[in-house]
Protein backbone atom coordinates (compact mmCIF):
# COMPACT_ATOMS: atom_id res chain seq x y z
CA MET A 1 -30.77 23.67 24.59
CA GLY A 2 -27.22 22.63 25.25
CA PHE A 3 -24.84 21.40 27.91
CA VAL A 4 -27.02 22.71 30.74
CA GLY A 5 -29.57 25.51 30.61
CA LYS A 6 -30.92 28.01 33.09
CA LYS A 7 -34.48 26.75 32.68
CA ASP A 8 -33.52 23.19 33.60
CA ILE A 9 -32.09 23.97 36.99
CA ALA A 10 -34.13 27.05 37.91
CA ASN A 11 -36.22 25.16 40.47
CA CYS A 12 -33.06 24.04 42.22
CA GLN A 13 -32.01 27.57 43.23
CA VAL A 14 -31.81 28.63 46.88
CA ASP A 15 -30.51 31.78 48.56
CA SER A 16 -26.76 32.16 48.01
CA GLU A 17 -26.22 32.46 51.76
CA VAL A 18 -27.23 28.84 52.35
CA GLU A 19 -24.14 26.98 53.53
CA ASP A 20 -25.45 23.67 54.80
CA SER A 21 -24.74 21.08 52.05
CA ASP A 22 -27.34 18.65 53.45
CA VAL A 23 -30.03 21.30 53.15
CA ALA A 24 -28.88 22.13 49.62
CA VAL A 25 -29.01 18.53 48.44
CA SER A 26 -32.43 18.02 50.05
CA THR A 27 -33.73 21.10 48.25
CA ILE A 28 -32.54 19.75 44.90
CA ILE A 29 -34.22 16.39 45.42
CA LYS A 30 -37.48 17.98 46.59
CA ASN A 31 -37.78 20.26 43.57
CA MET A 32 -36.70 17.86 40.85
CA SER A 33 -39.30 15.91 38.92
CA GLU A 34 -39.32 12.17 39.31
CA SER A 35 -38.29 11.74 35.68
CA SER A 36 -35.10 13.72 36.22
CA LEU A 37 -33.91 11.12 38.72
CA ILE A 38 -34.08 8.26 36.22
CA GLU A 39 -30.77 7.01 34.88
CA ASP A 40 -30.34 7.80 31.19
CA ASP A 41 -30.68 4.46 29.42
CA ASP A 42 -31.93 5.71 26.04
CA GLU A 43 -35.16 3.78 26.62
CA GLU A 44 -37.13 5.87 24.14
CA ASP A 45 -34.44 5.33 21.50
CA VAL A 46 -34.90 1.57 21.78
CA GLN A 47 -38.69 1.46 22.12
CA GLY A 48 -39.41 4.23 19.65
CA LYS A 49 -37.37 2.89 16.76
CA ILE A 50 -39.39 2.84 13.53
CA GLN A 51 -38.81 0.30 10.80
CA ILE A 52 -38.65 2.29 7.56
CA GLY A 53 -38.26 -0.54 5.06
CA PRO A 54 -35.31 -2.00 3.14
CA ARG A 55 -32.20 0.14 2.91
CA ARG A 56 -30.82 1.16 -0.49
CA THR A 57 -27.63 2.59 -1.86
CA LEU A 58 -27.72 6.21 -2.94
CA LYS A 59 -27.95 5.24 -6.60
CA GLU A 60 -30.81 2.82 -5.90
CA GLN A 61 -32.68 5.53 -4.00
CA TYR A 62 -32.26 7.95 -6.86
CA GLU A 63 -33.35 5.45 -9.53
CA ALA A 64 -36.48 4.39 -7.63
CA ASP A 65 -39.89 6.02 -8.30
CA LYS A 66 -38.80 7.79 -11.46
CA ASP A 67 -42.43 8.17 -12.50
CA ASP A 68 -43.16 10.38 -9.49
CA GLU A 69 -42.19 13.87 -10.67
CA SER A 70 -42.62 15.59 -7.31
CA LEU A 71 -40.52 12.95 -5.55
CA MET A 72 -37.80 13.23 -8.19
CA ARG A 73 -37.72 17.01 -7.76
CA TRP A 74 -37.31 16.53 -4.01
CA LYS A 75 -34.46 14.05 -4.57
CA GLU A 76 -32.70 16.43 -6.95
CA GLN A 77 -33.05 19.26 -4.45
CA LEU A 78 -31.67 17.09 -1.63
CA LEU A 79 -28.78 15.72 -3.67
CA GLY A 80 -27.85 19.04 -5.26
CA SER A 81 -24.64 18.67 -7.27
CA VAL A 82 -23.82 15.15 -6.07
CA ASP A 83 -22.54 12.91 -8.87
CA ILE A 84 -24.51 9.70 -8.34
CA ASN A 85 -22.04 7.63 -10.34
CA SER A 86 -19.08 8.74 -8.22
CA VAL A 87 -20.60 7.77 -4.87
CA ALA A 88 -19.59 4.45 -3.31
CA GLU A 89 -22.13 1.63 -3.64
CA THR A 90 -22.70 1.22 0.09
CA LEU A 91 -25.75 1.17 2.34
CA ASP A 92 -24.13 2.97 5.25
CA PRO A 93 -23.59 6.71 5.29
CA GLU A 94 -20.38 7.99 6.79
CA VAL A 95 -20.88 10.91 9.16
CA LYS A 96 -17.92 12.47 10.91
CA ILE A 97 -18.14 15.34 13.40
CA LEU A 98 -15.05 17.41 12.62
CA SER A 99 -15.29 20.34 15.02
CA LEU A 100 -17.22 21.38 18.09
CA ALA A 101 -17.24 24.88 19.58
CA ILE A 102 -18.95 26.89 22.32
CA VAL A 103 -19.93 30.35 21.11
CA SER A 104 -20.70 33.12 23.61
CA PRO A 105 -21.28 36.82 22.82
CA GLY A 106 -18.20 38.99 23.32
CA ARG A 107 -15.80 36.05 23.53
CA GLU A 108 -13.68 34.08 21.11
CA ASP A 109 -15.16 30.71 20.17
CA LEU A 110 -14.06 27.96 22.54
CA LEU A 111 -12.90 25.13 20.25
CA LEU A 112 -13.12 21.70 21.84
CA GLN A 113 -10.77 18.88 20.89
CA ILE A 114 -12.73 15.72 20.01
CA PRO A 115 -10.89 12.59 21.18
CA ASP A 116 -10.92 9.56 18.89
CA ASN A 117 -12.33 7.27 21.57
CA GLY A 118 -14.96 9.79 22.73
CA LYS A 119 -13.68 9.80 26.32
CA VAL A 120 -12.42 13.18 27.48
CA LYS A 121 -9.80 13.20 30.23
CA GLY A 122 -10.23 15.76 32.99
CA THR A 123 -12.53 18.77 32.85
CA TRP A 124 -13.30 19.52 29.19
CA PHE A 125 -14.35 23.16 29.57
CA THR A 126 -15.70 25.77 31.99
CA LEU A 127 -18.79 27.93 31.52
CA LYS A 128 -19.51 31.17 33.32
CA GLU A 129 -22.73 31.18 35.32
CA GLY A 130 -25.55 33.25 33.84
CA SER A 131 -23.87 33.48 30.42
CA ARG A 132 -25.51 33.08 27.01
CA TYR A 133 -23.99 30.50 24.68
CA THR A 134 -24.62 28.28 21.69
CA ILE A 135 -23.00 25.06 20.48
CA LYS A 136 -21.73 25.01 16.90
CA PHE A 137 -20.37 22.02 15.04
CA ALA A 138 -19.25 21.06 11.56
CA PHE A 139 -19.52 17.63 9.97
CA HIS A 140 -19.26 15.85 6.66
CA VAL A 141 -21.46 13.18 5.10
CA ARG A 142 -20.13 10.57 2.67
CA ASN A 143 -21.33 7.47 0.77
CA ASN A 144 -25.10 7.71 1.34
CA ILE A 145 -27.91 9.92 2.64
CA VAL A 146 -28.10 10.17 6.42
CA SER A 147 -31.71 10.44 7.55
CA GLY A 148 -32.87 12.13 10.74
CA LEU A 149 -29.47 13.06 12.14
CA LYS A 150 -29.95 14.30 15.69
CA TYR A 151 -27.97 15.58 18.67
CA THR A 152 -28.73 14.33 22.18
CA ASN A 153 -27.20 15.57 25.41
CA THR A 154 -27.70 14.36 28.97
CA VAL A 155 -26.24 16.15 32.00
CA TRP A 156 -25.89 15.04 35.62
CA LYS A 157 -24.89 16.88 38.79
CA THR A 158 -24.13 15.05 42.04
CA GLY A 159 -25.62 11.91 40.49
CA LEU A 160 -28.93 13.53 39.54
CA ARG A 161 -29.99 14.12 35.96
CA VAL A 162 -30.58 17.85 35.50
CA GLU A 163 -31.07 18.01 31.72
CA LYS A 164 -31.82 15.84 28.71
CA THR A 165 -31.83 17.57 25.33
CA LYS A 166 -32.69 16.38 21.83
CA GLU A 167 -32.07 18.53 18.77
CA MET A 168 -33.10 17.35 15.30
CA ILE A 169 -30.42 18.37 12.80
CA GLY A 170 -31.94 16.99 9.60
CA THR A 171 -31.42 14.76 6.57
CA PHE A 172 -28.28 15.25 4.49
CA SER A 173 -26.88 13.95 1.22
CA PRO A 174 -23.18 13.12 0.76
CA GLN A 175 -21.05 16.02 -0.48
CA GLN A 176 -17.48 17.31 -0.41
CA GLU A 177 -18.35 20.51 1.43
CA LEU A 178 -18.82 20.59 5.20
CA TYR A 179 -22.22 20.98 6.81
CA THR A 180 -22.54 23.25 9.85
CA HIS A 181 -25.23 23.43 12.51
CA GLU A 182 -25.80 25.60 15.56
CA ILE A 183 -27.86 24.60 18.60
CA PRO A 184 -30.33 27.33 19.72
CA GLU A 185 -28.93 29.75 22.27
CA ASP A 186 -29.30 28.95 25.96
CA THR A 187 -28.23 30.52 29.26
CA THR A 188 -26.26 28.75 31.98
CA PRO A 189 -27.88 28.72 35.42
CA SER A 190 -26.47 30.91 38.17
CA GLY A 191 -26.24 30.79 41.94
CA MET A 192 -24.47 28.68 44.51
CA LEU A 193 -26.19 25.41 43.59
CA ALA A 194 -25.56 25.91 39.88
CA ARG A 195 -21.80 26.22 40.32
CA GLY A 196 -19.68 23.11 40.41
CA SER A 197 -18.83 20.06 38.35
CA TYR A 198 -21.16 18.27 35.92
CA SER A 199 -20.88 15.02 33.97
CA ALA A 200 -22.42 14.66 30.53
CA LYS A 201 -22.96 12.34 27.58
CA THR A 202 -23.40 13.71 24.04
CA LYS A 203 -24.44 11.59 21.05
CA PHE A 204 -24.98 12.10 17.33
CA LEU A 205 -27.41 9.48 15.95
CA ASP A 206 -29.63 8.90 12.92
CA ASP A 207 -33.13 7.49 12.38
CA ASP A 208 -31.77 3.95 12.70
CA ASN A 209 -30.19 4.87 16.05
CA LYS A 210 -26.76 4.42 14.54
CA CYS A 211 -24.36 6.42 16.69
CA TYR A 212 -21.68 8.34 14.82
CA LEU A 213 -20.10 9.94 17.88
CA GLU A 214 -20.51 9.50 21.62
CA LEU A 215 -18.72 11.82 24.02
CA ASN A 216 -18.43 11.26 27.77
CA TYR A 217 -16.97 14.18 29.70
CA THR A 218 -17.12 16.54 32.67
CA PHE A 219 -17.37 20.33 32.71
CA ASP A 220 -17.62 23.10 35.29
CA ILE A 221 -19.87 26.11 35.85
CA ARG A 222 -17.99 28.82 37.73
CA LYS A 223 -18.32 32.48 38.67
CA ASP A 224 -16.20 33.41 35.67
CA TRP A 225 -14.76 31.94 32.50
CA GLN A 226 -11.64 29.83 32.92
């Protein structure tokens, strides 16, 4: 699961000798599921939102339910060495994605610069067709517990949605040290139809659908690495 995977575009492959672009586009449309043609509007994020009760500061969460020994053990395990009294009295966690990298066997990690406004100018990176890769990122959490942090990624090619990925990252307490996470390995598609330019939108959200980072960008799949 990542920027675009082999399994998500496999049904779009045709013989590499096909040269007629009209035939190629028709083949893509014929083989894609109806759902893949729907514009990404995060409809499930809006409709599937669960109300989980009143929000509390970190200290309030820790002080609650002190009679429940098993719950207190879980809280202590989650919080680790966090000093409750030193954490800001705020309801909102602060989550900042500090680094993002593409990792592929036999190559140096491709470190991606994260723009402050989330809008990447030009082509952000190039992937080699048929190559294995993972996405690795580091982030910090401050002020409060972030619950249900997740990574979502939607990819389009020639206006058609070819992939939509969701990866649950987890629940994290505030701490000074960085957290790291790696998306499971995937393989880029290969063949004439797989090569070309893609547009994508990546988000990092929590259980309340609060977005901590949204990236809009384009990338290429080519015969070889850039």
